[in-house]
C-alpha atoms as a PDB file:
ATOM      1  CA  UNK A   1       0.000   0.000   0.000  1.00  0.00           C
ATOM      2  CA  UNK A   2       1.461   3.318  -1.065  1.00  0.00           C
ATOM      3  CA  UNK A   3       1.209   6.616   0.700  1.00  0.00           C
ATOM      4  CA  UNK A   4      -1.739   7.620  -1.443  1.00  0.00           C
ATOM      5  CA  UNK A   5      -3.745   4.556  -0.415  1.00  0.00           C
ATOM      6  CA  UNK A   6      -3.558   2.945  -3.898  1.00  0.00           C
ATOM      7  CA  UNK A   7      -2.416  -0.627  -4.571  1.00  0.00           C
ATOM      8  CA  UNK A   8       1.124  -1.197  -5.930  1.00  0.00           C
ATOM      9  CA  UNK A   9       2.768  -4.387  -7.132  1.00  0.00           C
ATOM     10  CA  UNK A  10       5.667  -5.980  -5.302  1.00  0.00           C
ATOM     11  CA  UNK A  11       9.052  -5.728  -7.016  1.00  0.00           C
ATOM     12  CA  UNK A  12       9.681  -9.378  -6.093  1.00  0.00           C
ATOM     13  CA  UNK A  13       6.920 -10.858  -8.255  1.00  0.00           C
ATOM     14  CA  UNK A  14       5.640 -10.406 -11.745  1.00  0.00           C
ATOM     15  CA  UNK A  15       2.580  -8.478 -12.760  1.00  0.00           C
ATOM     16  CA  UNK A  16       0.861 -11.676 -13.888  1.00  0.00           C
ATOM     17  CA  UNK A  17       1.486 -13.406 -10.529  1.00  0.00           C
ATOM     18  CA  UNK A  18       0.126 -10.491  -8.628  1.00  0.00           C
ATOM     19  CA  UNK A  19      -2.967 -10.243 -10.799  1.00  0.00           C
ATOM     20  CA  UNK A  20      -3.750 -13.956 -10.471  1.00  0.00           C
ATOM     21  CA  UNK A  21      -3.524 -13.904  -6.692  1.00  0.00           C
ATOM     22  CA  UNK A  22      -5.322 -10.620  -6.159  1.00  0.00           C
ATOM     23  CA  UNK A  23      -8.187 -11.358  -8.550  1.00  0.00           C
ATOM     24  CA  UNK A  24     -11.490 -11.625  -6.657  1.00  0.00           C
ATOM     25  CA  UNK A  25     -13.130 -15.047  -6.682  1.00  0.00           C
ATOM     26  CA  UNK A  26     -16.938 -14.553  -6.733  1.00  0.00           C
ATOM     27  CA  UNK A  27     -17.588 -18.062  -5.380  1.00  0.00           C
ATOM     28  CA  UNK A  28     -15.006 -17.777  -2.621  1.00  0.00           C
ATOM     29  CA  UNK A  29     -15.935 -14.235  -1.649  1.00  0.00           C
ATOM     30  CA  UNK A  30     -19.736 -14.678  -1.722  1.00  0.00           C
ATOM     31  CA  UNK A  31     -20.080 -15.982   1.870  1.00  0.00           C
ATOM     32  CA  UNK A  32     -17.961 -13.089   3.147  1.00  0.00           C
ATOM     33  CA  UNK A  33     -20.011 -10.562   1.209  1.00  0.00           C
ATOM     34  CA  UNK A  34     -23.226 -12.126   2.483  1.00  0.00           C
ATOM     35  CA  UNK A  35     -21.927 -11.933   6.032  1.00  0.00           C
ATOM     36  CA  UNK A  36     -21.180  -8.227   5.627  1.00  0.00           C
ATOM     37  CA  UNK A  37     -24.593  -7.502   4.120  1.00  0.00           C
ATOM     38  CA  UNK A  38     -26.389  -9.532   6.791  1.00  0.00           C
ATOM     39  CA  UNK A  39     -24.409  -7.762   9.485  1.00  0.00           C
ATOM     40  CA  UNK A  40     -25.367  -4.353   8.093  1.00  0.00           C
ATOM     41  CA  UNK A  41     -28.998  -5.427   7.805  1.00  0.00           C
ATOM     42  CA  UNK A  42     -29.054  -6.729  11.371  1.00  0.00           C
ATOM     43  CA  UNK A  43     -27.425  -3.527  12.606  1.00  0.00           C
ATOM     44  CA  UNK A  44     -30.100  -1.458  10.866  1.00  0.00           C
ATOM     45  CA  UNK A  45     -32.908  -3.680  12.180  1.00  0.00           C
ATOM     46  CA  UNK A  46     -31.610  -3.242  15.717  1.00  0.00           C
ATOM     47  CA  UNK A  47     -32.312   0.483  15.610  1.00  0.00           C
ATOM     48  CA  UNK A  48     -34.506   1.422  18.542  1.00  0.00           C
ATOM     49  CA  UNK A  49     -37.860   3.038  17.775  1.00  0.00           C
ATOM     50  CA  UNK A  50     -39.553   5.914  19.566  1.00  0.00           C
ATOM     51  CA  UNK A  51     -43.113   6.502  18.402  1.00  0.00           C
ATOM     52  CA  UNK A  52     -44.374  10.066  18.761  1.00  0.00           C
ATOM     53  CA  UNK A  53     -48.144   9.666  18.843  1.00  0.00           C
ATOM     54  CA  UNK A  54     -50.189  12.847  18.975  1.00  0.00           C
ATOM     55  CA  UNK A  55     -53.445  14.643  18.423  1.00  0.00           C
ATOM     56  CA  UNK A  56     -53.273  18.255  17.262  1.00  0.00           C
ATOM     57  CA  UNK A  57     -56.332  20.340  16.439  1.00  0.00           C
ATOM     58  CA  UNK A  58     -54.779  23.655  15.389  1.00  0.00           C
ATOM     59  CA  UNK A  59     -51.203  22.495  14.804  1.00  0.00           C
ATOM     60  CA  UNK A  60     -49.475  23.468  18.058  1.00  0.00           C
ATOM     61  CA  UNK A  61     -48.916  19.918  19.313  1.00  0.00           C
ATOM     62  CA  UNK A  62     -47.834  18.889  15.828  1.00  0.00           C
ATOM     63  CA  UNK A  63     -45.117  21.553  15.858  1.00  0.00           C
ATOM     64  CA  UNK A  64     -43.794  20.142  19.116  1.00  0.00           C
ATOM     65  CA  UNK A  65     -43.997  16.589  17.763  1.00  0.00           C
ATOM     66  CA  UNK A  66     -41.941  17.368  14.677  1.00  0.00           C
ATOM     67  CA  UNK A  67     -39.278  19.130  16.722  1.00  0.00           C
ATOM     68  CA  UNK A  68     -39.326  16.222  19.178  1.00  0.00           C
ATOM     69  CA  UNK A  69     -38.558  13.798  16.363  1.00  0.00           C
ATOM     70  CA  UNK A  70     -35.483  15.872  15.547  1.00  0.00           C
ATOM     71  CA  UNK A  71     -34.304  15.345  19.100  1.00  0.00           C
ATOM     72  CA  UNK A  72     -34.938  11.593  18.960  1.00  0.00           C
ATOM     73  CA  UNK A  73     -33.119  11.234  15.654  1.00  0.00           C
ATOM     74  CA  UNK A  74     -30.060  13.047  17.028  1.00  0.00           C
ATOM     75  CA  UNK A  75     -29.227  10.026  19.219  1.00  0.00           C
ATOM     76  CA  UNK A  76     -27.297   7.273  17.449  1.00  0.00           C
ATOM     77  CA  UNK A  77     -29.159   4.005  17.175  1.00  0.00           C
ATOM     78  CA  UNK A  78     -32.597   5.523  17.815  1.00  0.00           C
ATOM     79  CA  UNK A  79     -35.192   6.691  15.293  1.00  0.00           C
ATOM     80  CA  UNK A  80     -38.384   8.674  15.816  1.00  0.00           C
ATOM     81  CA  UNK A  81     -41.674   8.015  14.019  1.00  0.00           C
ATOM     82  CA  UNK A  82     -44.590  10.462  13.860  1.00  0.00           C
ATOM     83  CA  UNK A  83     -48.184   9.224  14.089  1.00  0.00           C
ATOM     84  CA  UNK A  84     -51.554  10.911  14.430  1.00  0.00           C
ATOM     85  CA  UNK A  85     -54.477   9.457  16.355  1.00  0.00           C
ATOM     86  CA  UNK A  86     -57.823   9.312  14.513  1.00  0.00           C
ATOM     87  CA  UNK A  87     -60.178  12.277  14.645  1.00  0.00           C
ATOM     88  CA  UNK A  88     -63.466  11.677  16.452  1.00  0.00           C
ATOM     89  CA  UNK A  89     -65.331  14.908  15.668  1.00  0.00           C
ATOM     90  CA  UNK A  90     -67.513  15.067  12.528  1.00  0.00           C
ATOM     91  CA  UNK A  91     -66.300  17.211   9.650  1.00  0.00           C
ATOM     92  CA  UNK A  92     -69.062  19.809   9.955  1.00  0.00           C
ATOM     93  CA  UNK A  93     -68.122  20.458  13.580  1.00  0.00           C
ATOM     94  CA  UNK A  94     -64.457  20.815  12.659  1.00  0.00           C
ATOM     95  CA  UNK A  95     -65.400  23.313   9.964  1.00  0.00           C
ATOM     96  CA  UNK A  96     -67.409  25.392  12.420  1.00  0.00           C
ATOM     97  CA  UNK A  97     -64.408  25.393  14.754  1.00  0.00           C
ATOM     98  CA  UNK A  98     -62.225  26.534  11.841  1.00  0.00           C
ATOM     99  CA  UNK A  99     -59.856  23.598  12.291  1.00  0.00           C
ATOM    100  CA  UNK A 100     -57.232  23.616   9.503  1.00  0.00           C
ATOM    101  CA  UNK A 101     -56.885  20.670   7.152  1.00  0.00           C
ATOM    102  CA  UNK A 102     -54.337  18.101   8.317  1.00  0.00           C
ATOM    103  CA  UNK A 103     -51.339  17.053   6.243  1.00  0.00           C
ATOM    104  CA  UNK A 104     -51.741  13.683   4.547  1.00  0.00           C
ATOM    105  CA  UNK A 105     -48.052  12.828   4.868  1.00  0.00           C
ATOM    106  CA  UNK A 106     -48.322  11.741   8.497  1.00  0.00           C
ATOM    107  CA  UNK A 107     -49.966   8.331   8.999  1.00  0.00           C
ATOM    108  CA  UNK A 108     -52.627   7.470  11.536  1.00  0.00           C
ATOM    109  CA  UNK A 109     -51.540   5.071  14.246  1.00  0.00           C
ATOM    110  CA  UNK A 110     -53.284   1.787  14.928  1.00  0.00           C
ATOM    111  CA  UNK A 111     -53.400   0.309  18.400  1.00  0.00           C
ATOM    112  CA  UNK A 112     -51.335  -2.712  17.382  1.00  0.00           C
ATOM    113  CA  UNK A 113     -48.581  -0.433  16.076  1.00  0.00           C
ATOM    114  CA  UNK A 114     -47.705   0.484  19.662  1.00  0.00           C
ATOM    115  CA  UNK A 115     -46.163  -2.901  20.440  1.00  0.00           C
ATOM    116  CA  UNK A 116     -43.422  -2.221  17.887  1.00  0.00           C
ATOM    117  CA  UNK A 117     -42.132   0.809  19.815  1.00  0.00           C
ATOM    118  CA  UNK A 118     -39.238   0.777  22.263  1.00  0.00           C
ATOM    119  CA  UNK A 119     -40.404   4.125  23.648  1.00  0.00           C
ATOM    120  CA  UNK A 120     -43.564   6.227  23.344  1.00  0.00           C
ATOM    121  CA  UNK A 121     -44.216   9.963  23.494  1.00  0.00           C
ATOM    122  CA  UNK A 122     -47.859  11.031  23.559  1.00  0.00           C
ATOM    123  CA  UNK A 123     -48.881  14.591  22.724  1.00  0.00           C
ATOM    124  CA  UNK A 124     -52.303  16.205  23.109  1.00  0.00           C
ATOM    125  CA  UNK A 125     -54.095  19.473  23.931  1.00  0.00           C
ATOM    126  CA  UNK A 126     -55.881  19.902  27.246  1.00  0.00           C
ATOM    127  CA  UNK A 127     -59.611  19.765  27.831  1.00  0.00           C
ATOM    128  CA  UNK A 128     -60.451  21.016  31.323  1.00  0.00           C
ATOM    129  CA  UNK A 129     -57.218  19.700  32.822  1.00  0.00           C
ATOM    130  CA  UNK A 130     -57.039  16.339  31.071  1.00  0.00           C
ATOM    131  CA  UNK A 131     -56.246  14.998  27.621  1.00  0.00           C
ATOM    132  CA  UNK A 132     -58.456  15.780  24.630  1.00  0.00           C
ATOM    133  CA  UNK A 133     -61.201  13.243  23.926  1.00  0.00           C
ATOM    134  CA  UNK A 134     -59.536  12.155  20.690  1.00  0.00           C
ATOM    135  CA  UNK A 135     -56.492  10.902  22.584  1.00  0.00           C
ATOM    136  CA  UNK A 136     -58.649   9.429  25.354  1.00  0.00           C
ATOM    137  CA  UNK A 137     -60.646   7.511  22.736  1.00  0.00           C
ATOM    138  CA  UNK A 138     -57.412   6.096  21.376  1.00  0.00           C
ATOM    139  CA  UNK A 139     -56.276   4.971  24.823  1.00  0.00           C
ATOM    140  CA  UNK A 140     -59.724   3.472  25.428  1.00  0.00           C
ATOM    141  CA  UNK A 141     -59.236   1.310  22.318  1.00  0.00           C
ATOM    142  CA  UNK A 142     -56.085  -0.343  23.714  1.00  0.00           C
ATOM    143  CA  UNK A 143     -57.979  -2.765  25.963  1.00  0.00           C
ATOM    144  CA  UNK A 144     -56.646  -5.913  24.308  1.00  0.00           C
ATOM    145  CA  UNK A 145     -53.073  -4.679  24.789  1.00  0.00           C
ATOM    146  CA  UNK A 146     -53.893  -4.029  28.442  1.00  0.00           C
ATOM    147  CA  UNK A 147     -55.322  -7.539  28.868  1.00  0.00           C
ATOM    148  CA  UNK A 148     -52.062  -9.054  27.670  1.00  0.00           C
ATOM    149  CA  UNK A 149     -49.850  -6.331  29.189  1.00  0.00           C
ATOM    150  CA  UNK A 150     -48.143  -5.942  25.821  1.00  0.00           C
ATOM    151  CA  UNK A 151     -46.897  -2.448  26.715  1.00  0.00           C
ATOM    152  CA  UNK A 152     -45.606  -3.255  30.195  1.00  0.00           C
ATOM    153  CA  UNK A 153     -42.145  -1.858  30.811  1.00  0.00           C
ATOM    154  CA  UNK A 154     -42.127   0.464  27.783  1.00  0.00           C
ATOM    155  CA  UNK A 155     -40.847   3.994  28.619  1.00  0.00           C
ATOM    156  CA  UNK A 156     -43.429   6.689  27.852  1.00  0.00           C
ATOM    157  CA  UNK A 157     -43.798  10.438  28.247  1.00  0.00           C
ATOM    158  CA  UNK A 158     -46.177  13.302  27.494  1.00  0.00           C
ATOM    159  CA  UNK A 159     -46.179  16.739  25.867  1.00  0.00           C
ATOM    160  CA  UNK A 160     -49.150  19.079  25.876  1.00  0.00           C
ATOM    161  CA  UNK A 161     -50.805  22.230  24.617  1.00  0.00           C
ATOM    162  CA  UNK A 162     -52.966  24.586  26.675  1.00  0.00           C
ATOM    163  CA  UNK A 163     -54.763  27.813  25.863  1.00  0.00           C
ATOM    164  CA  UNK A 164     -53.638  29.967  28.764  1.00  0.00           C
ATOM    165  CA  UNK A 165     -50.899  30.221  31.372  1.00  0.00           C
ATOM    166  CA  UNK A 166     -53.276  28.855  33.986  1.00  0.00           C
ATOM    167  CA  UNK A 167     -54.415  26.145  31.610  1.00  0.00           C
ATOM    168  CA  UNK A 168     -53.051  23.078  33.363  1.00  0.00           C
ATOM    169  CA  UNK A 169     -49.703  22.426  31.663  1.00  0.00           C
ATOM    170  CA  UNK A 170     -48.812  20.101  34.534  1.00  0.00           C
ATOM    171  CA  UNK A 171     -52.275  18.755  35.399  1.00  0.00           C
ATOM    172  CA  UNK A 172     -52.912  17.598  31.833  1.00  0.00           C
ATOM    173  CA  UNK A 173     -49.841  15.364  31.950  1.00  0.00           C
ATOM    174  CA  UNK A 174     -50.451  14.368  35.552  1.00  0.00           C
ATOM    175  CA  UNK A 175     -53.981  13.089  34.915  1.00  0.00           C
ATOM    176  CA  UNK A 176     -52.710  11.109  31.898  1.00  0.00           C
ATOM    177  CA  UNK A 177     -50.322   9.040  34.026  1.00  0.00           C
ATOM    178  CA  UNK A 178     -53.244   6.766  34.940  1.00  0.00           C
ATOM    179  CA  UNK A 179     -53.193   5.422  31.368  1.00  0.00           C
ATOM    180  CA  UNK A 180     -49.561   4.403  31.701  1.00  0.00           C
ATOM    181  CA  UNK A 181     -50.097   2.876  35.142  1.00  0.00           C
ATOM    182  CA  UNK A 182     -52.767   0.463  33.938  1.00  0.00           C
ATOM    183  CA  UNK A 183     -50.598  -0.629  31.018  1.00  0.00           C
ATOM    184  CA  UNK A 184     -47.537  -1.003  33.234  1.00  0.00           C
ATOM    185  CA  UNK A 185     -45.580   1.491  31.168  1.00  0.00           C
ATOM    186  CA  UNK A 186     -42.719   3.422  32.741  1.00  0.00           C
ATOM    187  CA  UNK A 187     -43.413   7.157  32.973  1.00  0.00           C
ATOM    188  CA  UNK A 188     -40.419   9.275  31.970  1.00  0.00           C
ATOM    189  CA  UNK A 189     -40.728  12.970  32.928  1.00  0.00           C
ATOM    190  CA  UNK A 190     -38.005  15.392  31.894  1.00  0.00           C
ATOM    191  CA  UNK A 191     -37.630  16.949  35.327  1.00  0.00           C
ATOM    192  CA  UNK A 192     -35.339  19.966  35.159  1.00  0.00           C
ATOM    193  CA  UNK A 193     -32.881  18.397  32.720  1.00  0.00           C
ATOM    194  CA  UNK A 194     -33.405  21.280  30.293  1.00  0.00           C
ATOM    195  CA  UNK A 195     -31.259  23.343  32.651  1.00  0.00           C
ATOM    196  CA  UNK A 196     -31.424  27.123  32.734  1.00  0.00           C
ATOM    197  CA  UNK A 197     -34.175  27.155  30.116  1.00  0.00           C
ATOM    198  CA  UNK A 198     -36.570  25.813  32.738  1.00  0.00           C
ATOM    199  CA  UNK A 199     -36.003  28.785  35.037  1.00  0.00           C
ATOM    200  CA  UNK A 200     -36.155  31.786  32.697  1.00  0.00           C
ATOM    201  CA  UNK A 201     -38.958  34.237  33.441  1.00  0.00           C
ATOM    202  CA  UNK A 202     -38.357  36.785  30.689  1.00  0.00           C
ATOM    203  CA  UNK A 203     -40.969  35.374  28.297  1.00  0.00           C
ATOM    204  CA  UNK A 204     -44.062  33.186  28.189  1.00  0.00           C
ATOM    205  CA  UNK A 205     -43.082  29.558  27.948  1.00  0.00           C
ATOM    206  CA  UNK A 206     -45.029  26.330  28.032  1.00  0.00           C
ATOM    207  CA  UNK A 207     -43.607  23.108  29.380  1.00  0.00           C
ATOM    208  CA  UNK A 208     -42.935  21.731  32.843  1.00  0.00           C
ATOM    209  CA  UNK A 209     -40.993  18.957  34.589  1.00  0.00           C
ATOM    210  CA  UNK A 210     -43.736  16.645  33.299  1.00  0.00           C
ATOM    211  CA  UNK A 211     -42.881  17.313  29.655  1.00  0.00           C
ATOM    212  CA  UNK A 212     -42.732  19.858  26.862  1.00  0.00           C
ATOM    213  CA  UNK A 213     -45.661  22.188  26.326  1.00  0.00           C
ATOM    214  CA  UNK A 214     -46.930  25.123  24.323  1.00  0.00           C
ATOM    215  CA  UNK A 215     -49.438  27.909  24.930  1.00  0.00           C
ATOM    216  CA  UNK A 216     -51.839  28.263  22.021  1.00  0.00           C
ATOM    217  CA  UNK A 217     -53.767  31.335  23.176  1.00  0.00           C
ATOM    218  CA  UNK A 218     -56.786  31.783  20.941  1.00  0.00           C
ATOM    219  CA  UNK A 219     -55.248  29.362  18.461  1.00  0.00           C
ATOM    220  CA  UNK A 220     -53.176  31.899  16.561  1.00  0.00           C
ATOM    221  CA  UNK A 221     -50.087  32.035  18.792  1.00  0.00           C
ATOM    222  CA  UNK A 222     -47.155  30.097  17.349  1.00  0.00           C
ATOM    223  CA  UNK A 223     -44.791  28.058  19.543  1.00  0.00           C
ATOM    224  CA  UNK A 224     -41.782  30.054  20.717  1.00  0.00           C
ATOM    225  CA  UNK A 225     -38.262  28.904  20.011  1.00  0.00           C
ATOM    226  CA  UNK A 226     -37.844  28.067  23.700  1.00  0.00           C
ATOM    227  CA  UNK A 227     -40.921  25.812  23.616  1.00  0.00           C
ATOM    228  CA  UNK A 228     -39.646  24.088  20.481  1.00  0.00           C
ATOM    229  CA  UNK A 229     -36.175  23.700  21.977  1.00  0.00           C
ATOM    230  CA  UNK A 230     -37.704  22.072  25.045  1.00  0.00           C
ATOM    231  CA  UNK A 231     -39.596  19.641  22.789  1.00  0.00           C
ATOM    232  CA  UNK A 232     -36.374  18.768  20.981  1.00  0.00           C
ATOM    233  CA  UNK A 233     -34.704  18.243  24.339  1.00  0.00           C
ATOM    234  CA  UNK A 234     -37.468  15.891  25.455  1.00  0.00           C
ATOM    235  CA  UNK A 235     -37.068  13.839  22.288  1.00  0.00           C
ATOM    236  CA  UNK A 236     -33.332  13.620  22.832  1.00  0.00           C
ATOM    237  CA  UNK A 237     -33.798  12.804  26.508  1.00  0.00           C
ATOM    238  CA  UNK A 238     -36.318  10.028  25.835  1.00  0.00           C
ATOM    239  CA  UNK A 239     -34.112   8.541  23.115  1.00  0.00           C
ATOM    240  CA  UNK A 240     -31.239   8.447  25.589  1.00  0.00           C
ATOM    241  CA  UNK A 241     -33.402   6.672  28.175  1.00  0.00           C
ATOM    242  CA  UNK A 242     -34.601   4.158  25.591  1.00  0.00           C
ATOM    243  CA  UNK A 243     -31.082   3.517  24.379  1.00  0.00           C
ATOM    244  CA  UNK A 244     -29.851   3.016  27.921  1.00  0.00           C
ATOM    245  CA  UNK A 245     -32.520   0.616  29.130  1.00  0.00           C
ATOM    246  CA  UNK A 246     -34.401  -0.861  26.191  1.00  0.00           C
ATOM    247  CA  UNK A 247     -33.596  -3.716  23.834  1.00  0.00           C
ATOM    248  CA  UNK A 248     -34.922  -3.823  20.265  1.00  0.00           C
ATOM    249  CA  UNK A 249     -38.202  -5.661  19.908  1.00  0.00           C
ATOM    250  CA  UNK A 250     -38.349  -8.685  17.617  1.00  0.00           C
ATOM    251  CA  UNK A 251     -40.746  -7.568  14.912  1.00  0.00           C
END
C-alpha cells in the first residue's frame, strides 16, 4: 500500500502473478459478502424506535412533535416516528371550529402499532385539565393490549398544549399518568434536565418537569423557540433513556 492509499505491485513478483492472486473469486468471496450484508442489515434492524403519537387540532402539538422527532433522531441508534391518532369529531363540527386541514403525509396510528415501539411519546391538547377526547378515545381502544400487558415496561412520556398560562400544563400530563399505570408502562418525565431554560422568566413559555408544552392562546399564537427547543430536548432525553434501558423488539 502506497502513501496515497492505492495498490502497488511488489518488485519481487511479476505483474501476472500479482494479478492472479489478487483477482477476486466470486464463489469464494460470496459468503464473506453475504456476512457483511447480513451484518449491516441486522445492525439497521436493531435500531430502537420511539413513536411520537399525537393529536393536534390547530397544529401546536404537531409543531412540538416534529421538533421532538429531531431530538430523537439526534441520538445514534434511535429513530423517531410520527403518528396521528384518529379524529373523532364530525367534519361539519371541525369546519365550524375553523380547524385547519391536516397534512396527509403523516400516517394514523393503529393500536397494534404500539407494540413495535421501544419508547412512546404522547402529545395532546388539554380539555379542562385532562387529555383531549380524541387521545382518550385512542387509549380506550387499547384494551386488548392491556389484557395481555403488551406495553408493560415500555418507557413513555407526554407533551401538551394549553390555551392559557393557567391552563393546566402540569395537570394535563399528571392526569394522563393513569393510562400508563394500567398498562404497566414506565413514565419518563423530563424533570429539570433542560437546565437554565426551565427557570427563565423573561418570556411566556409552556412546558414543565412533566414534559414539553406550548401555549396556544386563541389558536393563533405560534410556539416560541424556547418551547420548540424544550420539545427537541425531550425527544433527545427520551431517546437516551430508551437507548440506555431498552432492547430492540423482535418484529
